mmCIF file of all heavy atoms, coordinates in Angstrom:
data_MODEL
# 
_entry.id   MODEL 
# 
loop_
_atom_site.group_PDB 
_atom_site.id 
_atom_site.type_symbol 
_atom_site.label_atom_id 
_atom_site.label_alt_id 
_atom_site.label_comp_id 
_atom_site.label_asym_id 
_atom_site.label_entity_id 
_atom_site.label_seq_id 
_atom_site.pdbx_PDB_ins_code 
_atom_site.Cartn_x 
_atom_site.Cartn_y 
_atom_site.Cartn_z 
_atom_site.occupancy 
_atom_site.B_iso_or_equiv 
_atom_site.pdbx_formal_charge 
_atom_site.auth_seq_id 
_atom_site.auth_comp_id 
_atom_site.auth_asym_id 
_atom_site.auth_atom_id 
_atom_site.pdbx_PDB_model_num 
ATOM 1   N N   . GLY A 1 1  ? 0.809  -1.205  0.000  1.00 0.00 ? 1  GLY A N   1 
ATOM 2   C CA  . GLY A 1 1  ? 0.000  0.000   0.000  1.00 0.00 ? 1  GLY A CA  1 
ATOM 3   C C   . GLY A 1 1  ? 0.841  1.252   0.000  1.00 0.00 ? 1  GLY A C   1 
ATOM 4   O O   . GLY A 1 1  ? 2.055  1.218   -0.150 1.00 0.00 ? 1  GLY A O   1 
ATOM 5   N N   . ASP A 1 2  ? 0.183  2.390   0.200  1.00 0.00 ? 2  ASP A N   1 
ATOM 6   C CA  . ASP A 1 2  ? 0.844  3.682   0.156  1.00 0.00 ? 2  ASP A CA  1 
ATOM 7   C C   . ASP A 1 2  ? 1.440  4.029   1.519  1.00 0.00 ? 2  ASP A C   1 
ATOM 8   O O   . ASP A 1 2  ? 1.093  3.469   2.550  1.00 0.00 ? 2  ASP A O   1 
ATOM 9   C CB  . ASP A 1 2  ? -0.156 4.773   -0.246 1.00 0.00 ? 2  ASP A CB  1 
ATOM 10  C CG  . ASP A 1 2  ? -0.727 4.538   -1.634 1.00 0.00 ? 2  ASP A CG  1 
ATOM 11  O OD1 . ASP A 1 2  ? 0.004  3.964   -2.470 1.00 0.00 ? 2  ASP A OD1 1 
ATOM 12  O OD2 . ASP A 1 2  ? -1.892 4.910   -1.867 1.00 0.00 ? 2  ASP A OD2 1 
ATOM 13  N N   . GLU A 1 3  ? 2.347  4.994   1.488  1.00 0.00 ? 3  GLU A N   1 
ATOM 14  C CA  . GLU A 1 3  ? 2.938  5.555   2.696  1.00 0.00 ? 3  GLU A CA  1 
ATOM 15  C C   . GLU A 1 3  ? 3.592  4.500   3.584  1.00 0.00 ? 3  GLU A C   1 
ATOM 16  O O   . GLU A 1 3  ? 3.545  4.552   4.803  1.00 0.00 ? 3  GLU A O   1 
ATOM 17  C CB  . GLU A 1 3  ? 1.892  6.337   3.502  1.00 0.00 ? 3  GLU A CB  1 
ATOM 18  C CG  . GLU A 1 3  ? 1.329  7.529   2.729  1.00 0.00 ? 3  GLU A CG  1 
ATOM 19  C CD  . GLU A 1 3  ? 0.353  8.331   3.563  1.00 0.00 ? 3  GLU A CD  1 
ATOM 20  O OE1 . GLU A 1 3  ? -0.060 7.838   4.621  1.00 0.00 ? 3  GLU A OE1 1 
ATOM 21  O OE2 . GLU A 1 3  ? 0.013  9.446   3.159  1.00 0.00 ? 3  GLU A OE2 1 
ATOM 22  N N   . GLN A 1 4  ? 4.224  3.523   2.947  1.00 0.00 ? 4  GLN A N   1 
ATOM 23  C CA  . GLN A 1 4  ? 4.811  2.439   3.719  1.00 0.00 ? 4  GLN A CA  1 
ATOM 24  C C   . GLN A 1 4  ? 5.964  2.897   4.577  1.00 0.00 ? 4  GLN A C   1 
ATOM 25  O O   . GLN A 1 4  ? 6.256  2.284   5.603  1.00 0.00 ? 4  GLN A O   1 
ATOM 26  C CB  . GLN A 1 4  ? 5.265  1.320   2.790  1.00 0.00 ? 4  GLN A CB  1 
ATOM 27  C CG  . GLN A 1 4  ? 4.103  0.512   2.244  1.00 0.00 ? 4  GLN A CG  1 
ATOM 28  C CD  . GLN A 1 4  ? 4.591  -0.672  1.443  1.00 0.00 ? 4  GLN A CD  1 
ATOM 29  O OE1 . GLN A 1 4  ? 5.700  -1.129  1.617  1.00 0.00 ? 4  GLN A OE1 1 
ATOM 30  N NE2 . GLN A 1 4  ? 3.765  -1.158  0.557  1.00 0.00 ? 4  GLN A NE2 1 
ATOM 31  N N   . GLU A 1 5  ? 6.642  3.978   4.203  1.00 0.00 ? 5  GLU A N   1 
ATOM 32  C CA  . GLU A 1 5  ? 7.755  4.440   5.017  1.00 0.00 ? 5  GLU A CA  1 
ATOM 33  C C   . GLU A 1 5  ? 7.280  4.776   6.427  1.00 0.00 ? 5  GLU A C   1 
ATOM 34  O O   . GLU A 1 5  ? 8.002  4.601   7.399  1.00 0.00 ? 5  GLU A O   1 
ATOM 35  C CB  . GLU A 1 5  ? 8.420  5.656   4.376  1.00 0.00 ? 5  GLU A CB  1 
ATOM 36  C CG  . GLU A 1 5  ? 9.702  6.057   5.077  1.00 0.00 ? 5  GLU A CG  1 
ATOM 37  C CD  . GLU A 1 5  ? 10.458 7.136   4.334  1.00 0.00 ? 5  GLU A CD  1 
ATOM 38  O OE1 . GLU A 1 5  ? 9.863  7.793   3.455  1.00 0.00 ? 5  GLU A OE1 1 
ATOM 39  O OE2 . GLU A 1 5  ? 11.645 7.325   4.648  1.00 0.00 ? 5  GLU A OE2 1 
ATOM 40  N N   . TYR A 1 6  ? 6.026  5.217   6.549  1.00 0.00 ? 6  TYR A N   1 
ATOM 41  C CA  . TYR A 1 6  ? 5.471  5.550   7.852  1.00 0.00 ? 6  TYR A CA  1 
ATOM 42  C C   . TYR A 1 6  ? 4.875  4.319   8.524  1.00 0.00 ? 6  TYR A C   1 
ATOM 43  O O   . TYR A 1 6  ? 4.900  4.185   9.745  1.00 0.00 ? 6  TYR A O   1 
ATOM 44  C CB  . TYR A 1 6  ? 4.441  6.667   7.699  1.00 0.00 ? 6  TYR A CB  1 
ATOM 45  C CG  . TYR A 1 6  ? 5.064  7.895   7.100  1.00 0.00 ? 6  TYR A CG  1 
ATOM 46  C CD1 . TYR A 1 6  ? 4.962  8.156   5.729  1.00 0.00 ? 6  TYR A CD1 1 
ATOM 47  C CD2 . TYR A 1 6  ? 5.819  8.765   7.886  1.00 0.00 ? 6  TYR A CD2 1 
ATOM 48  C CE1 . TYR A 1 6  ? 5.574  9.265   5.160  1.00 0.00 ? 6  TYR A CE1 1 
ATOM 49  C CE2 . TYR A 1 6  ? 6.434  9.875   7.325  1.00 0.00 ? 6  TYR A CE2 1 
ATOM 50  C CZ  . TYR A 1 6  ? 6.306  10.126  5.963  1.00 0.00 ? 6  TYR A CZ  1 
ATOM 51  O OH  . TYR A 1 6  ? 6.924  11.210  5.412  1.00 0.00 ? 6  TYR A OH  1 
ATOM 52  N N   . VAL A 1 7  ? 4.345  3.408   7.720  1.00 0.00 ? 7  VAL A N   1 
ATOM 53  C CA  . VAL A 1 7  ? 3.839  2.147   8.248  1.00 0.00 ? 7  VAL A CA  1 
ATOM 54  C C   . VAL A 1 7  ? 4.969  1.321   8.853  1.00 0.00 ? 7  VAL A C   1 
ATOM 55  O O   . VAL A 1 7  ? 4.788  0.593   9.826  1.00 0.00 ? 7  VAL A O   1 
ATOM 56  C CB  . VAL A 1 7  ? 3.125  1.347   7.128  1.00 0.00 ? 7  VAL A CB  1 
ATOM 57  C CG1 . VAL A 1 7  ? 2.811  -0.080  7.590  1.00 0.00 ? 7  VAL A CG1 1 
ATOM 58  C CG2 . VAL A 1 7  ? 1.846  2.057   6.705  1.00 0.00 ? 7  VAL A CG2 1 
ATOM 59  N N   . GLU A 1 8  ? 6.181  1.465   8.296  1.00 0.00 ? 8  GLU A N   1 
ATOM 60  C CA  . GLU A 1 8  ? 7.313  0.627   8.716  1.00 0.00 ? 8  GLU A CA  1 
ATOM 61  C C   . GLU A 1 8  ? 7.595  0.695   10.209 1.00 0.00 ? 8  GLU A C   1 
ATOM 62  O O   . GLU A 1 8  ? 8.096  -0.269  10.791 1.00 0.00 ? 8  GLU A O   1 
ATOM 63  C CB  . GLU A 1 8  ? 8.582  1.018   7.944  1.00 0.00 ? 8  GLU A CB  1 
ATOM 64  C CG  . GLU A 1 8  ? 8.661  0.421   6.566  1.00 0.00 ? 8  GLU A CG  1 
ATOM 65  C CD  . GLU A 1 8  ? 9.912  0.865   5.830  1.00 0.00 ? 8  GLU A CD  1 
ATOM 66  O OE1 . GLU A 1 8  ? 10.720 1.607   6.417  1.00 0.00 ? 8  GLU A OE1 1 
ATOM 67  O OE2 . GLU A 1 8  ? 10.071 0.477   4.669  1.00 0.00 ? 8  GLU A OE2 1 
ATOM 68  N N   . ARG A 1 9  ? 7.279  1.809   10.845 1.00 0.00 ? 9  ARG A N   1 
ATOM 69  C CA  . ARG A 1 9  ? 7.598  1.936   12.267 1.00 0.00 ? 9  ARG A CA  1 
ATOM 70  C C   . ARG A 1 9  ? 6.839  0.927   13.118 1.00 0.00 ? 9  ARG A C   1 
ATOM 71  O O   . ARG A 1 9  ? 7.160  0.738   14.288 1.00 0.00 ? 9  ARG A O   1 
ATOM 72  C CB  . ARG A 1 9  ? 7.301  3.350   12.749 1.00 0.00 ? 9  ARG A CB  1 
ATOM 73  C CG  . ARG A 1 9  ? 5.831  3.705   12.809 1.00 0.00 ? 9  ARG A CG  1 
ATOM 74  C CD  . ARG A 1 9  ? 5.623  5.169   13.143 1.00 0.00 ? 9  ARG A CD  1 
ATOM 75  N NE  . ARG A 1 9  ? 6.202  6.034   12.127 1.00 0.00 ? 9  ARG A NE  1 
ATOM 76  C CZ  . ARG A 1 9  ? 6.142  7.368   12.172 1.00 0.00 ? 9  ARG A CZ  1 
ATOM 77  N NH1 . ARG A 1 9  ? 5.547  7.963   13.182 1.00 0.00 ? 9  ARG A NH1 1 
ATOM 78  N NH2 . ARG A 1 9  ? 6.666  8.089   11.210 1.00 0.00 ? 9  ARG A NH2 1 
ATOM 79  N N   . HIS A 1 10 ? 5.835  0.256   12.559 1.00 0.00 ? 10 HIS A N   1 
ATOM 80  C CA  . HIS A 1 10 ? 5.078  -0.772  13.269 1.00 0.00 ? 10 HIS A CA  1 
ATOM 81  C C   . HIS A 1 10 ? 5.506  -2.183  12.880 1.00 0.00 ? 10 HIS A C   1 
ATOM 82  O O   . HIS A 1 10 ? 4.890  -3.151  13.320 1.00 0.00 ? 10 HIS A O   1 
ATOM 83  C CB  . HIS A 1 10 ? 3.581  -0.617  12.978 1.00 0.00 ? 10 HIS A CB  1 
ATOM 84  C CG  . HIS A 1 10 ? 3.043  0.741   13.298 1.00 0.00 ? 10 HIS A CG  1 
ATOM 85  N ND1 . HIS A 1 10 ? 2.892  1.202   14.590 1.00 0.00 ? 10 HIS A ND1 1 
ATOM 86  C CD2 . HIS A 1 10 ? 2.638  1.751   12.489 1.00 0.00 ? 10 HIS A CD2 1 
ATOM 87  C CE1 . HIS A 1 10 ? 2.404  2.436   14.562 1.00 0.00 ? 10 HIS A CE1 1 
ATOM 88  N NE2 . HIS A 1 10 ? 2.255  2.797   13.302 1.00 0.00 ? 10 HIS A NE2 1 
ATOM 89  N N   . THR A 1 11 ? 6.515  -2.298  12.043 1.00 0.00 ? 11 THR A N   1 
ATOM 90  C CA  . THR A 1 11 ? 6.878  -3.596  11.492 1.00 0.00 ? 11 THR A CA  1 
ATOM 91  C C   . THR A 1 11 ? 8.039  -4.245  12.240 1.00 0.00 ? 11 THR A C   1 
ATOM 92  O O   . THR A 1 11 ? 8.593  -3.688  13.186 1.00 0.00 ? 11 THR A O   1 
ATOM 93  C CB  . THR A 1 11 ? 7.288  -3.454  10.015 1.00 0.00 ? 11 THR A CB  1 
ATOM 94  O OG1 . THR A 1 11 ? 8.550  -2.759  9.957  1.00 0.00 ? 11 THR A OG1 1 
ATOM 95  C CG2 . THR A 1 11 ? 6.240  -2.716  9.208  1.00 0.00 ? 11 THR A CG2 1 
ATOM 96  N N   . ALA A 1 12 ? 8.435  -5.415  11.727 1.00 0.00 ? 12 ALA A N   1 
ATOM 97  C CA  . ALA A 1 12 ? 9.557  -6.150  12.322 1.00 0.00 ? 12 ALA A CA  1 
ATOM 98  C C   . ALA A 1 12 ? 10.842 -5.336  12.293 1.00 0.00 ? 12 ALA A C   1 
ATOM 99  O O   . ALA A 1 12 ? 11.718 -5.523  13.139 1.00 0.00 ? 12 ALA A O   1 
ATOM 100 C CB  . ALA A 1 12 ? 9.753  -7.472  11.582 1.00 0.00 ? 12 ALA A CB  1 
ATOM 101 N N   . LEU A 1 13 ? 10.962 -4.405  11.348 1.00 0.00 ? 13 LEU A N   1 
ATOM 102 C CA  . LEU A 1 13 ? 12.186 -3.609  11.243 1.00 0.00 ? 13 LEU A CA  1 
ATOM 103 C C   . LEU A 1 13 ? 12.384 -2.736  12.472 1.00 0.00 ? 13 LEU A C   1 
ATOM 104 O O   . LEU A 1 13 ? 13.491 -2.590  12.985 1.00 0.00 ? 13 LEU A O   1 
ATOM 105 C CB  . LEU A 1 13 ? 12.134 -2.759  9.970  1.00 0.00 ? 13 LEU A CB  1 
ATOM 106 C CG  . LEU A 1 13 ? 13.336 -1.866  9.682  1.00 0.00 ? 13 LEU A CG  1 
ATOM 107 C CD1 . LEU A 1 13 ? 14.632 -2.676  9.646  1.00 0.00 ? 13 LEU A CD1 1 
ATOM 108 C CD2 . LEU A 1 13 ? 13.137 -1.117  8.354  1.00 0.00 ? 13 LEU A CD2 1 
ATOM 109 N N   . TRP A 1 14 ? 11.329 -2.141  12.961 1.00 0.00 ? 14 TRP A N   1 
ATOM 110 C CA  . TRP A 1 14 ? 11.431 -1.331  14.176 1.00 0.00 ? 14 TRP A CA  1 
ATOM 111 C C   . TRP A 1 14 ? 11.509 -2.221  15.414 1.00 0.00 ? 14 TRP A C   1 
ATOM 112 O O   . TRP A 1 14 ? 12.270 -1.955  16.334 1.00 0.00 ? 14 TRP A O   1 
ATOM 113 C CB  . TRP A 1 14 ? 10.229 -0.391  14.277 1.00 0.00 ? 14 TRP A CB  1 
ATOM 114 C CG  . TRP A 1 14 ? 10.520 1.026   13.880 1.00 0.00 ? 14 TRP A CG  1 
ATOM 115 C CD1 . TRP A 1 14 ? 10.506 2.124   14.701 1.00 0.00 ? 14 TRP A CD1 1 
ATOM 116 C CD2 . TRP A 1 14 ? 10.881 1.516   12.585 1.00 0.00 ? 14 TRP A CD2 1 
ATOM 117 N NE1 . TRP A 1 14 ? 10.820 3.254   13.994 1.00 0.00 ? 14 TRP A NE1 1 
ATOM 118 C CE2 . TRP A 1 14 ? 11.047 2.914   12.680 1.00 0.00 ? 14 TRP A CE2 1 
ATOM 119 C CE3 . TRP A 1 14 ? 11.059 0.919   11.344 1.00 0.00 ? 14 TRP A CE3 1 
ATOM 120 C CZ2 . TRP A 1 14 ? 11.408 3.712   11.607 1.00 0.00 ? 14 TRP A CZ2 1 
ATOM 121 C CZ3 . TRP A 1 14 ? 11.406 1.699   10.266 1.00 0.00 ? 14 TRP A CZ3 1 
ATOM 122 C CH2 . TRP A 1 14 ? 11.584 3.067   10.400 1.00 0.00 ? 14 TRP A CH2 1 
ATOM 123 N N   . HIS A 1 15 ? 10.714 -3.279  15.449 1.00 0.00 ? 15 HIS A N   1 
ATOM 124 C CA  . HIS A 1 15 ? 10.701 -4.172  16.615 1.00 0.00 ? 15 HIS A CA  1 
ATOM 125 C C   . HIS A 1 15 ? 12.058 -4.812  16.859 1.00 0.00 ? 15 HIS A C   1 
ATOM 126 O O   . HIS A 1 15 ? 12.501 -4.929  18.003 1.00 0.00 ? 15 HIS A O   1 
ATOM 127 C CB  . HIS A 1 15 ? 9.635  -5.259  16.419 1.00 0.00 ? 15 HIS A CB  1 
ATOM 128 C CG  . HIS A 1 15 ? 8.251  -4.797  16.739 1.00 0.00 ? 15 HIS A CG  1 
ATOM 129 N ND1 . HIS A 1 15 ? 7.498  -5.353  17.738 1.00 0.00 ? 15 HIS A ND1 1 
ATOM 130 C CD2 . HIS A 1 15 ? 7.487  -3.832  16.181 1.00 0.00 ? 15 HIS A CD2 1 
ATOM 131 C CE1 . HIS A 1 15 ? 6.318  -4.759  17.790 1.00 0.00 ? 15 HIS A CE1 1 
ATOM 132 N NE2 . HIS A 1 15 ? 6.293  -3.827  16.844 1.00 0.00 ? 15 HIS A NE2 1 
ATOM 133 N N   . VAL A 1 16 ? 12.718 -5.258  15.787 1.00 0.00 ? 16 VAL A N   1 
ATOM 134 C CA  . VAL A 1 16 ? 13.996 -5.948  15.978 1.00 0.00 ? 16 VAL A CA  1 
ATOM 135 C C   . VAL A 1 16 ? 15.044 -5.002  16.561 1.00 0.00 ? 16 VAL A C   1 
ATOM 136 O O   . VAL A 1 16 ? 15.902 -5.413  17.345 1.00 0.00 ? 16 VAL A O   1 
ATOM 137 C CB  . VAL A 1 16 ? 14.483 -6.588  14.658 1.00 0.00 ? 16 VAL A CB  1 
ATOM 138 C CG1 . VAL A 1 16 ? 15.052 -5.551  13.696 1.00 0.00 ? 16 VAL A CG1 1 
ATOM 139 C CG2 . VAL A 1 16 ? 15.532 -7.664  14.934 1.00 0.00 ? 16 VAL A CG2 1 
ATOM 140 N N   . LEU A 1 17 ? 14.963 -3.728  16.231 1.00 0.00 ? 17 LEU A N   1 
ATOM 141 C CA  . LEU A 1 17 ? 15.920 -2.767  16.774 1.00 0.00 ? 17 LEU A CA  1 
ATOM 142 C C   . LEU A 1 17 ? 15.731 -2.555  18.273 1.00 0.00 ? 17 LEU A C   1 
ATOM 143 O O   . LEU A 1 17 ? 16.686 -2.263  18.987 1.00 0.00 ? 17 LEU A O   1 
ATOM 144 C CB  . LEU A 1 17 ? 15.817 -1.445  16.019 1.00 0.00 ? 17 LEU A CB  1 
ATOM 145 C CG  . LEU A 1 17 ? 16.262 -1.508  14.554 1.00 0.00 ? 17 LEU A CG  1 
ATOM 146 C CD1 . LEU A 1 17 ? 15.984 -0.182  13.855 1.00 0.00 ? 17 LEU A CD1 1 
ATOM 147 C CD2 . LEU A 1 17 ? 17.729 -1.876  14.437 1.00 0.00 ? 17 LEU A CD2 1 
ATOM 148 N N   . GLU A 1 18 ? 14.503 -2.705  18.745 1.00 0.00 ? 18 GLU A N   1 
ATOM 149 C CA  . GLU A 1 18 ? 14.264 -2.597  20.186 1.00 0.00 ? 18 GLU A CA  1 
ATOM 150 C C   . GLU A 1 18 ? 14.733 -3.845  20.926 1.00 0.00 ? 18 GLU A C   1 
ATOM 151 O O   . GLU A 1 18 ? 14.892 -3.829  22.148 1.00 0.00 ? 18 GLU A O   1 
ATOM 152 C CB  . GLU A 1 18 ? 12.777 -2.345  20.464 1.00 0.00 ? 18 GLU A CB  1 
ATOM 153 C CG  . GLU A 1 18 ? 12.230 -1.057  19.883 1.00 0.00 ? 18 GLU A CG  1 
ATOM 154 C CD  . GLU A 1 18 ? 12.924 0.185   20.422 1.00 0.00 ? 18 GLU A CD  1 
ATOM 155 O OE1 . GLU A 1 18 ? 13.599 0.095   21.470 1.00 0.00 ? 18 GLU A OE1 1 
ATOM 156 O OE2 . GLU A 1 18 ? 12.800 1.257   19.804 1.00 0.00 ? 18 GLU A OE2 1 
ATOM 157 N N   . ALA A 1 19 ? 14.961 -4.939  20.183 1.00 0.00 ? 19 ALA A N   1 
ATOM 158 C CA  . ALA A 1 19 ? 15.405 -6.189  20.793 1.00 0.00 ? 19 ALA A CA  1 
ATOM 159 C C   . ALA A 1 19 ? 16.924 -6.327  20.831 1.00 0.00 ? 19 ALA A C   1 
ATOM 160 O O   . ALA A 1 19 ? 17.444 -7.311  21.351 1.00 0.00 ? 19 ALA A O   1 
ATOM 161 C CB  . ALA A 1 19 ? 14.803 -7.376  20.039 1.00 0.00 ? 19 ALA A CB  1 
ATOM 162 N N   . VAL A 1 20 ? 17.656 -5.341  20.278 1.00 0.00 ? 20 VAL A N   1 
ATOM 163 C CA  . VAL A 1 20 ? 19.114 -5.431  20.188 1.00 0.00 ? 20 VAL A CA  1 
ATOM 164 C C   . VAL A 1 20 ? 19.745 -5.487  21.574 1.00 0.00 ? 20 VAL A C   1 
ATOM 165 O O   . VAL A 1 20 ? 19.386 -4.727  22.477 1.00 0.00 ? 20 VAL A O   1 
ATOM 166 C CB  . VAL A 1 20 ? 19.689 -4.221  19.417 1.00 0.00 ? 20 VAL A CB  1 
ATOM 167 C CG1 . VAL A 1 20 ? 21.219 -4.226  19.459 1.00 0.00 ? 20 VAL A CG1 1 
ATOM 168 C CG2 . VAL A 1 20 ? 19.192 -4.225  17.982 1.00 0.00 ? 20 VAL A CG2 1 
ATOM 169 N N   . GLN A 1 21 ? 20.713 -6.392  21.716 1.00 0.00 ? 21 GLN A N   1 
ATOM 170 C CA  . GLN A 1 21 ? 21.550 -6.457  22.907 1.00 0.00 ? 21 GLN A CA  1 
ATOM 171 C C   . GLN A 1 21 ? 23.008 -6.284  22.494 1.00 0.00 ? 21 GLN A C   1 
ATOM 172 O O   . GLN A 1 21 ? 23.375 -6.547  21.341 1.00 0.00 ? 21 GLN A O   1 
ATOM 173 C CB  . GLN A 1 21 ? 21.357 -7.788  23.636 1.00 0.00 ? 21 GLN A CB  1 
ATOM 174 C CG  . GLN A 1 21 ? 19.970 -7.969  24.229 1.00 0.00 ? 21 GLN A CG  1 
ATOM 175 C CD  . GLN A 1 21 ? 19.851 -9.219  25.077 1.00 0.00 ? 21 GLN A CD  1 
ATOM 176 O OE1 . GLN A 1 21 ? 20.852 -9.778  25.538 1.00 0.00 ? 21 GLN A OE1 1 
ATOM 177 N NE2 . GLN A 1 21 ? 18.622 -9.658  25.298 1.00 0.00 ? 21 GLN A NE2 1 
ATOM 178 N N   . PRO A 1 22 ? 23.856 -5.814  23.405 1.00 0.00 ? 22 PRO A N   1 
ATOM 179 C CA  . PRO A 1 22 ? 25.271 -5.609  23.055 1.00 0.00 ? 22 PRO A CA  1 
ATOM 180 C C   . PRO A 1 22 ? 25.901 -6.876  22.474 1.00 0.00 ? 22 PRO A C   1 
ATOM 181 O O   . PRO A 1 22 ? 25.721 -7.971  22.996 1.00 0.00 ? 22 PRO A O   1 
ATOM 182 C CB  . PRO A 1 22 ? 25.906 -5.228  24.402 1.00 0.00 ? 22 PRO A CB  1 
ATOM 183 C CG  . PRO A 1 22 ? 24.794 -4.582  25.158 1.00 0.00 ? 22 PRO A CG  1 
ATOM 184 C CD  . PRO A 1 22 ? 23.559 -5.345  24.779 1.00 0.00 ? 22 PRO A CD  1 
ATOM 185 N N   . GLY A 1 23 ? 26.637 -6.694  21.382 1.00 0.00 ? 23 GLY A N   1 
ATOM 186 C CA  . GLY A 1 23 ? 27.294 -7.814  20.723 1.00 0.00 ? 23 GLY A CA  1 
ATOM 187 C C   . GLY A 1 23 ? 26.484 -8.480  19.637 1.00 0.00 ? 23 GLY A C   1 
ATOM 188 O O   . GLY A 1 23 ? 26.976 -9.394  18.964 1.00 0.00 ? 23 GLY A O   1 
ATOM 189 N N   . ASP A 1 24 ? 25.244 -8.040  19.425 1.00 0.00 ? 24 ASP A N   1 
ATOM 190 C CA  . ASP A 1 24 ? 24.412 -8.642  18.385 1.00 0.00 ? 24 ASP A CA  1 
ATOM 191 C C   . ASP A 1 24 ? 24.880 -8.250  16.987 1.00 0.00 ? 24 ASP A C   1 
ATOM 192 O O   . ASP A 1 24 ? 25.312 -7.108  16.757 1.00 0.00 ? 24 ASP A O   1 
ATOM 193 C CB  . ASP A 1 24 ? 22.950 -8.204  18.535 1.00 0.00 ? 24 ASP A CB  1 
ATOM 194 C CG  . ASP A 1 24 ? 22.217 -8.953  19.625 1.00 0.00 ? 24 ASP A CG  1 
ATOM 195 O OD1 . ASP A 1 24 ? 22.760 -9.956  20.144 1.00 0.00 ? 24 ASP A OD1 1 
ATOM 196 O OD2 . ASP A 1 24 ? 21.085 -8.532  19.978 1.00 0.00 ? 24 ASP A OD2 1 
ATOM 197 N N   . VAL A 1 25 ? 24.760 -9.186  16.057 1.00 0.00 ? 25 VAL A N   1 
ATOM 198 C CA  . VAL A 1 25 ? 24.928 -8.907  14.636 1.00 0.00 ? 25 VAL A CA  1 
ATOM 199 C C   . VAL A 1 25 ? 23.568 -9.114  13.977 1.00 0.00 ? 25 VAL A C   1 
ATOM 200 O O   . VAL A 1 25 ? 23.007 -10.210 14.036 1.00 0.00 ? 25 VAL A O   1 
ATOM 201 C CB  . VAL A 1 25 ? 25.980 -9.831  13.990 1.00 0.00 ? 25 VAL A CB  1 
ATOM 202 C CG1 . VAL A 1 25 ? 26.040 -9.601  12.482 1.00 0.00 ? 25 VAL A CG1 1 
ATOM 203 C CG2 . VAL A 1 25 ? 27.353 -9.590  14.601 1.00 0.00 ? 25 VAL A CG2 1 
ATOM 204 N N   . LEU A 1 26 ? 23.035 -8.072  13.384 1.00 0.00 ? 26 LEU A N   1 
ATOM 205 C CA  . LEU A 1 26 ? 21.749 -8.170  12.708 1.00 0.00 ? 26 LEU A CA  1 
ATOM 206 C C   . LEU A 1 26 ? 21.936 -8.892  11.377 1.00 0.00 ? 26 LEU A C   1 
ATOM 207 O O   . LEU A 1 26 ? 22.720 -8.455  10.532 1.00 0.00 ? 26 LEU A O   1 
ATOM 208 C CB  . LEU A 1 26 ? 21.170 -6.772  12.473 1.00 0.00 ? 26 LEU A CB  1 
ATOM 209 C CG  . LEU A 1 26 ? 19.777 -6.726  11.826 1.00 0.00 ? 26 LEU A CG  1 
ATOM 210 C CD1 . LEU A 1 26 ? 18.736 -7.380  12.727 1.00 0.00 ? 26 LEU A CD1 1 
ATOM 211 C CD2 . LEU A 1 26 ? 19.379 -5.282  11.511 1.00 0.00 ? 26 LEU A CD2 1 
# 
């Protein structure tokens, strides 16, 4: 759909960044 750049903040891309711990390799 449209405006996905704004939708992205609810996706796995944002969630995975909140799960980062020191030493992680994405």
